Amino acid sequence: MEEDRATCPYCSKEFVVVEYGYRVKCPLCRGRIDVFPDSKYYIDTPFGVIGIWKL
């Protein structure tokens, strides 16, 4: 299985994602970032963020 990678908006470096969620620490600069497997399946609502899954 191919590993997911992300780029930190603070240090602009790419890293391997080991944890998804809100305010996850970047393993390189320790900045807090939001990391999700696929952002098009998460929507912001007045009640919070809701995940949408395909069945």
Protein backbone atom coordinates (compact mmCIF):
# COMPACT_ATOMS: atom_id res chain seq x y z
CA MET A 1 0.00 0.00 0.00
CA GLU A 2 1.28 3.46 -0.89
CA GLU A 3 1.86 5.81 2.03
CA ASP A 4 0.07 9.16 2.18
CA ARG A 5 2.18 12.28 2.04
CA ALA A 6 1.38 15.87 2.96
CA THR A 7 3.13 19.24 2.80
CA CYS A 8 3.23 21.42 5.89
CA PRO A 9 2.03 25.00 5.25
CA TYR A 10 4.45 26.33 7.90
CA CYS A 11 7.78 24.75 6.95
CA SER A 12 6.83 23.84 3.32
CA LYS A 13 8.38 20.38 3.70
CA GLU A 14 6.77 17.09 2.71
CA PHE A 15 6.25 14.31 5.25
CA VAL A 16 4.61 10.88 5.55
CA VAL A 17 1.19 11.06 7.23
CA VAL A 18 0.90 8.79 10.27
CA GLU A 19 -2.14 10.46 11.89
CA TYR A 20 -5.23 12.21 10.52
CA GLY A 21 -7.31 14.84 12.30
CA TYR A 22 -7.46 18.43 13.49
CA ARG A 23 -4.43 20.23 14.89
CA VAL A 24 -2.03 17.32 14.32
CA LYS A 25 1.60 18.29 14.93
CA CYS A 26 3.87 18.43 11.88
CA PRO A 27 6.68 15.91 12.56
CA LEU A 28 9.26 18.37 11.20
CA CYS A 29 8.44 21.82 12.65
CA ARG A 30 5.79 20.85 15.27
CA GLY A 31 3.27 23.32 13.78
CA ARG A 32 -0.41 22.39 14.25
CA ILE A 33 -2.13 21.45 10.97
CA ASP A 34 -5.37 19.74 9.88
CA VAL A 35 -4.72 16.49 7.99
CA PHE A 36 -7.45 14.44 6.32
CA PRO A 37 -7.29 11.52 3.86
CA ASP A 38 -9.51 13.26 1.30
CA SER A 39 -10.74 16.79 1.99
CA LYS A 40 -13.61 16.60 -0.51
CA TYR A 41 -15.44 14.24 1.87
CA TYR A 42 -15.38 16.65 4.84
CA ILE A 43 -17.64 19.70 5.00
CA ASP A 44 -17.82 22.57 7.49
CA THR A 45 -21.27 23.26 8.90
CA PRO A 46 -22.57 25.52 11.68
CA PHE A 47 -22.64 22.34 13.83
CA GLY A 48 -19.00 21.39 13.15
CA VAL A 49 -17.19 19.35 10.53
CA ILE A 50 -19.10 16.42 9.09
CA GLY A 51 -17.50 13.52 7.23
CA ILE A 52 -19.28 12.09 4.18
CA TRP A 53 -18.59 8.49 3.21
CA LYS A 54 -19.52 6.63 0.03
CA LEU A 55 -21.44 3.41 0.60
